[in-house]
Protein backbone atom coordinates (compact mmCIF):
# COMPACT_ATOMS: atom_id res chain seq x y z
CA MET A 1 -7.58 -18.89 -11.20
CA GLN A 2 -9.33 -17.58 -8.24
CA SER A 3 -10.02 -14.61 -8.30
CA GLY A 4 -10.86 -15.34 -3.73
CA LEU A 5 -7.18 -15.21 -2.09
CA VAL A 6 -6.21 -16.26 1.38
CA VAL A 7 -4.69 -13.06 3.25
CA PRO A 8 -2.68 -14.74 5.33
CA ASP A 9 -2.61 -13.82 9.35
CA ASN A 10 1.10 -12.01 9.02
CA VAL A 11 -0.65 -9.42 7.06
CA ARG A 12 -2.84 -7.88 10.07
CA GLU A 13 0.07 -8.73 12.16
CA GLU A 14 2.99 -7.13 10.70
CA PHE A 15 0.47 -4.38 9.72
CA GLN A 16 -0.41 -3.85 13.53
CA ALA A 17 3.94 -3.42 14.61
CA LEU A 18 3.83 -1.06 11.88
CA ARG A 19 0.42 0.98 13.11
CA MET A 20 0.69 0.05 16.71
CA LYS A 21 4.30 -0.37 17.75
CA ARG A 22 5.84 1.75 14.82
CA LYS A 23 8.45 -0.76 13.58
CA TYR A 24 8.47 0.05 9.86
CA ARG A 25 7.54 3.38 7.50
CA TYR A 26 5.49 1.00 4.59
CA ILE A 27 4.76 -3.01 3.64
CA ILE A 28 3.77 -3.70 0.49
CA TYR A 29 1.86 -6.79 -0.59
CA LYS A 30 1.89 -8.88 -3.81
CA VAL A 31 -0.34 -11.73 -5.04
CA ASN A 32 1.77 -15.31 -4.48
CA GLU A 33 3.33 -17.03 -6.86
CA ALA A 34 0.60 -20.12 -6.37
CA LYS A 35 -2.14 -16.46 -7.37
CA ASP A 36 -4.51 -18.06 -4.43
CA GLY A 37 -3.20 -15.81 -1.65
CA VAL A 38 -1.84 -12.49 -0.46
CA ALA A 39 1.72 -11.77 0.61
CA ILE A 40 4.53 -9.40 2.07
CA ASP A 41 6.73 -8.48 -0.98
CA LYS A 42 8.78 -5.50 0.93
CA MET A 43 8.90 -4.24 4.64
CA GLY A 44 10.53 -0.81 4.81
CA GLU A 45 12.23 0.25 7.63
CA ARG A 46 11.14 3.52 9.68
CA THR A 47 14.34 5.18 8.56
CA GLU A 48 12.79 5.14 4.84
CA ASP A 49 10.99 7.91 3.39
CA TRP A 50 9.01 8.07 -0.06
CA ASN A 51 11.54 7.55 -2.59
CA ALA A 52 12.96 4.68 -0.81
CA PHE A 53 8.80 3.40 -0.64
CA LYS A 54 8.59 3.98 -4.74
CA GLU A 55 11.89 2.46 -5.11
CA ALA A 56 10.25 -1.10 -3.86
CA MET A 57 6.99 -0.40 -5.74
CA PRO A 58 7.55 -2.45 -9.16
CA LYS A 59 6.65 0.23 -11.61
CA ASP A 60 4.64 -2.15 -13.92
CA GLY A 61 3.55 -4.29 -11.55
CA PRO A 62 -0.51 -4.28 -9.57
CA ARG A 63 0.45 -4.09 -5.79
CA TRP A 64 -1.69 -3.15 -1.98
CA ALA A 65 0.57 -1.04 0.14
CA VAL A 66 0.50 0.67 3.57
CA TYR A 67 2.16 3.90 3.47
CA ASP A 68 2.73 5.89 7.12
CA LEU A 69 2.46 9.14 5.83
CA GLU A 70 4.24 11.93 7.71
CA PHE A 71 4.36 15.34 6.84
CA THR A 72 2.88 19.48 8.48
CA GLU A 73 -0.17 20.70 8.17
CA LYS A 74 -1.00 24.10 6.87
CA ASP A 75 -1.36 25.21 10.77
CA GLY A 76 1.92 24.06 10.90
CA ARG A 77 0.82 21.18 13.13
CA LYS A 78 2.89 17.69 12.05
CA VAL A 79 0.42 14.38 11.56
CA SER A 80 1.06 10.73 10.78
CA LYS A 81 -1.93 9.50 8.92
CA LEU A 82 -2.07 5.97 7.19
CA LEU A 83 -2.58 5.34 3.52
CA PHE A 84 -3.76 2.07 1.56
CA ILE A 85 -2.88 2.24 -1.64
CA MET A 86 -4.00 0.01 -4.53
CA TYR A 87 -1.68 0.62 -6.97
CA SER A 88 -3.02 -1.08 -10.34
CA PRO A 89 -1.07 0.57 -13.05
CA ASP A 90 -2.61 1.14 -16.67
CA ASP A 91 0.56 -0.25 -18.72
CA CYS A 92 0.64 -3.30 -16.64
CA LYS A 93 1.15 -5.79 -19.69
CA ASP A 94 -0.77 -8.79 -16.98
CA ASN A 95 -4.48 -8.26 -16.71
CA ALA A 96 -4.72 -11.12 -15.28
CA GLU A 97 -3.22 -9.75 -11.60
CA LYS A 98 -4.76 -6.17 -12.32
CA PHE A 99 -7.99 -8.08 -11.85
CA ILE A 100 -7.41 -9.86 -9.55
CA ILE A 101 -5.68 -7.01 -7.13
CA ALA A 102 -9.02 -4.94 -8.05
CA CYS A 103 -11.01 -8.08 -6.82
CA ASN A 104 -9.67 -8.95 -3.70
CA LYS A 105 -8.52 -4.87 -2.31
CA ASP A 106 -10.81 -4.83 -0.11
CA GLN A 107 -10.68 -8.61 1.37
CA VAL A 108 -6.66 -7.26 1.82
CA LYS A 109 -7.87 -3.82 3.07
CA SER A 110 -10.13 -5.70 5.48
CA LYS A 111 -6.75 -6.93 7.90
CA VAL A 112 -4.96 -3.57 7.84
CA SER A 113 -8.98 -1.23 7.69
CA GLU A 114 -7.15 1.15 10.43
CA VAL A 115 -6.02 3.31 7.63
CA ASN A 116 -6.95 7.00 7.34
CA LEU A 117 -7.52 7.07 3.31
CA ASP A 118 -7.83 4.94 0.40
CA TRP A 119 -6.05 5.82 -2.32
CA GLN A 120 -5.85 4.38 -6.02
CA VAL A 121 -3.33 4.87 -7.97
CA ASN A 122 -3.04 4.38 -11.57
CA ARG A 123 -0.02 5.93 -12.93
CA TRP A 124 3.50 6.27 -12.15
CA ASP A 125 3.55 9.55 -12.01
CA ASP A 126 0.56 9.95 -9.31
CA LEU A 127 2.43 7.56 -6.42
CA SER A 128 4.14 10.89 -4.95
CA GLU A 129 4.50 12.11 -1.41
CA GLU A 130 3.18 15.66 -2.62
CA THR A 131 -0.02 14.10 -4.71
CA ALA A 132 -0.14 12.03 -0.92
CA VAL A 133 0.30 14.68 1.35
CA GLY A 134 -2.24 16.72 -0.85
CA LYS A 135 -5.19 14.44 -0.02
CA PHE A 136 -4.88 15.18 3.80
CA ASN A 137 -4.17 18.96 3.61
CA LYS A 138 -6.70 20.94 0.66
């Protein structure tokens, strides 16, 4: 099993649709079935919220994701920030997949490089909107 995954062009194309055209709220990526590339797992409609995103994420399976987080700053300004999330749950039973996710994080992130924050999450309970907003609203 190789660790250097092929990242297809649609990863970048759909990210640009999220970032520039605001077509999606989030995109979740996974290792494809052949374990040789990256695949888009799910894309959330613009109207979906953090709860829908979290429901779309597998609780015990590692993934990468991009999320367009909209929130109000302490000074009252409404802002939108792009998060790149590497979700690698501590209780995942497939250590090989966790390894592949970790080893290829930078390769995937290079295709979605225009993000405001790189966030690694290892516990399901930590994957919360409040925690995400707190990363910016310090």
